[in-house]
């Protein structure tokens, strides 16, 4: 039987990997929009979403990654 702490840590890692994948996709979409002639308003909307996601990711990391000793 797996150690509950290891299971918990692996769950957090999986959540973080999903967050990282989502941010990577968002950045790729932003690049595509810029290359496709996105308007300033389009880029502002994507930038706002990117900033929200970054804040969520930062909060998730702070809440789930213990400080280094």
N, C-alpha and C. Protein backbone atom coordinates (compact mmCIF):
# COMPACT_ATOMS: atom_id res chain seq x y z
N UNK A 1 0.85 -1.18 0.00
CA UNK A 1 0.00 0.00 0.00
C UNK A 1 0.89 1.24 0.00
N UNK A 2 0.50 2.21 -0.80
CA UNK A 2 1.30 3.43 -0.94
C UNK A 2 1.22 4.28 0.32
N UNK A 3 2.29 4.95 0.60
CA UNK A 3 2.35 5.88 1.71
C UNK A 3 1.41 7.06 1.40
N UNK A 4 0.50 7.41 2.33
CA UNK A 4 -0.45 8.50 2.06
C UNK A 4 0.24 9.83 1.75
N UNK A 5 1.37 10.08 2.36
CA UNK A 5 2.09 11.33 2.12
C UNK A 5 2.62 11.36 0.69
N UNK A 6 3.15 10.23 0.22
CA UNK A 6 3.65 10.14 -1.15
C UNK A 6 2.50 10.34 -2.13
N UNK A 7 1.36 9.73 -1.84
CA UNK A 7 0.18 9.89 -2.69
C UNK A 7 -0.25 11.35 -2.76
N UNK A 8 -0.22 12.02 -1.63
CA UNK A 8 -0.59 13.44 -1.58
C UNK A 8 0.39 14.28 -2.39
N UNK A 9 1.66 14.02 -2.23
CA UNK A 9 2.69 14.78 -2.96
C UNK A 9 2.52 14.57 -4.47
N UNK A 10 2.30 13.32 -4.87
CA UNK A 10 2.11 13.04 -6.29
C UNK A 10 0.87 13.74 -6.85
N UNK A 11 -0.18 13.83 -6.07
CA UNK A 11 -1.38 14.54 -6.50
C UNK A 11 -1.09 16.02 -6.72
N UNK A 12 -0.32 16.61 -5.82
CA UNK A 12 0.06 18.02 -5.97
C UNK A 12 0.93 18.22 -7.21
N UNK A 13 1.83 17.32 -7.43
CA UNK A 13 2.69 17.41 -8.62
C UNK A 13 1.84 17.33 -9.89
N UNK A 14 0.89 16.42 -9.91
CA UNK A 14 0.01 16.30 -11.08
C UNK A 14 -0.78 17.58 -11.31
N UNK A 15 -1.28 18.19 -10.24
CA UNK A 15 -2.02 19.44 -10.35
C UNK A 15 -1.12 20.55 -10.91
N UNK A 16 0.10 20.62 -10.42
CA UNK A 16 1.02 21.64 -10.90
C UNK A 16 1.39 21.41 -12.35
N UNK A 17 1.57 20.16 -12.74
CA UNK A 17 1.88 19.87 -14.14
C UNK A 17 0.73 20.30 -15.04
N UNK A 18 -0.49 20.10 -14.58
CA UNK A 18 -1.65 20.56 -15.36
C UNK A 18 -1.64 22.08 -15.47
N UNK A 19 -1.36 22.76 -14.37
CA UNK A 19 -1.28 24.23 -14.41
C UNK A 19 -0.20 24.70 -15.37
N UNK A 20 0.94 24.07 -15.32
CA UNK A 20 2.04 24.45 -16.22
C UNK A 20 1.64 24.21 -17.67
N UNK A 21 1.00 23.08 -17.95
CA UNK A 21 0.54 22.79 -19.31
C UNK A 21 -0.46 23.84 -19.78
N UNK A 22 -1.35 24.26 -18.88
CA UNK A 22 -2.34 25.28 -19.25
C UNK A 22 -1.68 26.62 -19.56
N UNK A 23 -0.70 27.00 -18.78
CA UNK A 23 0.02 28.25 -19.04
C UNK A 23 0.79 28.15 -20.35
N UNK A 24 1.39 27.02 -20.61
CA UNK A 24 2.12 26.82 -21.86
C UNK A 24 1.18 26.96 -23.06
N UNK A 25 0.00 26.37 -22.95
CA UNK A 25 -0.99 26.49 -24.02
C UNK A 25 -1.43 27.93 -24.21
N UNK A 26 -1.65 28.61 -23.11
CA UNK A 26 -2.06 30.01 -23.18
C UNK A 26 -1.00 30.86 -23.88
N UNK A 27 0.25 30.64 -23.55
CA UNK A 27 1.34 31.41 -24.18
C UNK A 27 1.41 31.09 -25.67
N UNK A 28 1.26 29.82 -26.03
CA UNK A 28 1.27 29.44 -27.45
C UNK A 28 0.11 30.11 -28.19
N UNK A 29 -1.06 30.15 -27.57
CA UNK A 29 -2.21 30.82 -28.18
C UNK A 29 -1.94 32.30 -28.36
N UNK A 30 -1.32 32.92 -27.38
CA UNK A 30 -0.98 34.33 -27.48
C UNK A 30 -0.03 34.58 -28.65
N UNK A 31 0.98 33.74 -28.76
CA UNK A 31 1.91 33.87 -29.88
C UNK A 31 1.18 33.74 -31.23
N UNK A 32 0.27 32.79 -31.31
CA UNK A 32 -0.48 32.57 -32.55
C UNK A 32 -1.36 33.79 -32.86
N UNK A 33 -1.96 34.36 -31.83
CA UNK A 33 -2.80 35.54 -32.05
C UNK A 33 -1.96 36.72 -32.53
N UNK A 34 -0.81 36.90 -31.94
CA UNK A 34 0.07 37.99 -32.35
C UNK A 34 0.51 37.78 -33.79
N UNK A 35 0.92 36.56 -34.12
CA UNK A 35 1.36 36.25 -35.48
C UNK A 35 0.21 36.39 -36.47
N UNK A 36 -1.01 36.15 -36.02
CA UNK A 36 -2.18 36.23 -36.90
C UNK A 36 -2.77 37.62 -37.00
N UNK A 37 -2.11 38.61 -36.43
CA UNK A 37 -2.58 39.98 -36.54
C UNK A 37 -3.61 40.36 -35.50
N UNK A 38 -3.48 39.85 -34.31
CA UNK A 38 -4.41 40.18 -33.24
C UNK A 38 -4.40 41.68 -32.96
N UNK A 39 -5.55 42.18 -32.58
CA UNK A 39 -5.64 43.60 -32.24
C UNK A 39 -5.09 43.82 -30.83
N UNK A 40 -4.89 45.06 -30.49
CA UNK A 40 -4.42 45.39 -29.15
C UNK A 40 -5.44 44.92 -28.11
N UNK A 41 -6.71 45.06 -28.41
CA UNK A 41 -7.76 44.62 -27.48
C UNK A 41 -7.69 43.11 -27.29
N UNK A 42 -7.46 42.36 -28.37
CA UNK A 42 -7.31 40.90 -28.27
C UNK A 42 -6.15 40.55 -27.35
N UNK A 43 -5.02 41.22 -27.57
CA UNK A 43 -3.83 40.93 -26.77
C UNK A 43 -4.04 41.34 -25.32
N UNK A 44 -4.74 42.45 -25.08
CA UNK A 44 -5.03 42.87 -23.71
C UNK A 44 -5.88 41.83 -22.98
N UNK A 45 -6.85 41.25 -23.69
CA UNK A 45 -7.71 40.23 -23.08
C UNK A 45 -6.91 38.99 -22.73
N UNK A 46 -6.04 38.57 -23.64
CA UNK A 46 -5.22 37.39 -23.39
C UNK A 46 -4.23 37.68 -22.26
N UNK A 47 -3.66 38.87 -22.26
CA UNK A 47 -2.72 39.25 -21.20
C UNK A 47 -3.41 39.23 -19.84
N UNK A 48 -4.62 39.72 -19.76
CA UNK A 48 -5.36 39.71 -18.50
C UNK A 48 -5.58 38.27 -18.04
N UNK A 49 -5.93 37.39 -18.98
CA UNK A 49 -6.12 35.99 -18.62
C UNK A 49 -4.80 35.36 -18.16
N UNK A 50 -3.72 35.69 -18.84
CA UNK A 50 -2.40 35.18 -18.47
C UNK A 50 -2.02 35.63 -17.06
N UNK A 51 -2.29 36.89 -16.75
CA UNK A 51 -1.97 37.40 -15.42
C UNK A 51 -2.82 36.72 -14.34
N UNK A 52 -4.08 36.45 -14.64
CA UNK A 52 -4.94 35.74 -13.69
C UNK A 52 -4.41 34.33 -13.46
N UNK A 53 -4.05 33.66 -14.55
CA UNK A 53 -3.54 32.30 -14.42
C UNK A 53 -2.21 32.26 -13.66
N UNK A 54 -1.37 33.26 -13.92
CA UNK A 54 -0.09 33.33 -13.22
C UNK A 54 -0.33 33.51 -11.72
N UNK A 55 -1.28 34.35 -11.37
CA UNK A 55 -1.59 34.58 -9.95
C UNK A 55 -2.11 33.29 -9.31
N UNK A 56 -2.96 32.56 -10.03
CA UNK A 56 -3.48 31.29 -9.51
C UNK A 56 -2.35 30.27 -9.33
N UNK A 57 -1.47 30.21 -10.31
CA UNK A 57 -0.35 29.27 -10.24
C UNK A 57 0.58 29.62 -9.08
N UNK A 58 0.88 30.90 -8.92
CA UNK A 58 1.73 31.35 -7.83
C UNK A 58 1.10 31.02 -6.48
N UNK A 59 -0.20 31.25 -6.36
CA UNK A 59 -0.90 30.95 -5.11
C UNK A 59 -0.90 29.44 -4.84
N UNK A 60 -1.12 28.66 -5.89
CA UNK A 60 -1.13 27.20 -5.72
C UNK A 60 0.23 26.69 -5.28
N UNK A 61 1.28 27.22 -5.88
CA UNK A 61 2.62 26.80 -5.50
C UNK A 61 2.92 27.20 -4.06
N UNK A 62 2.55 28.42 -3.70
CA UNK A 62 2.81 28.89 -2.33
C UNK A 62 2.06 28.06 -1.31
N UNK A 63 0.86 27.63 -1.66
CA UNK A 63 0.04 26.87 -0.73
C UNK A 63 0.46 25.40 -0.63
N UNK A 64 1.10 24.88 -1.67
CA UNK A 64 1.32 23.45 -1.71
C UNK A 64 2.78 23.01 -1.73
N UNK A 65 3.68 23.94 -1.82
CA UNK A 65 5.10 23.59 -1.82
C UNK A 65 5.70 24.12 -0.52
N UNK A 66 6.19 23.20 0.29
CA UNK A 66 6.76 23.66 1.56
C UNK A 66 8.02 24.48 1.34
N UNK A 67 8.27 25.44 2.22
CA UNK A 67 9.49 26.25 2.09
C UNK A 67 10.72 25.38 2.26
N UNK A 68 11.77 25.80 1.61
CA UNK A 68 13.03 25.05 1.75
C UNK A 68 13.57 25.25 3.16
N UNK A 69 14.17 24.19 3.71
CA UNK A 69 14.67 24.30 5.09
C UNK A 69 15.83 25.26 5.21
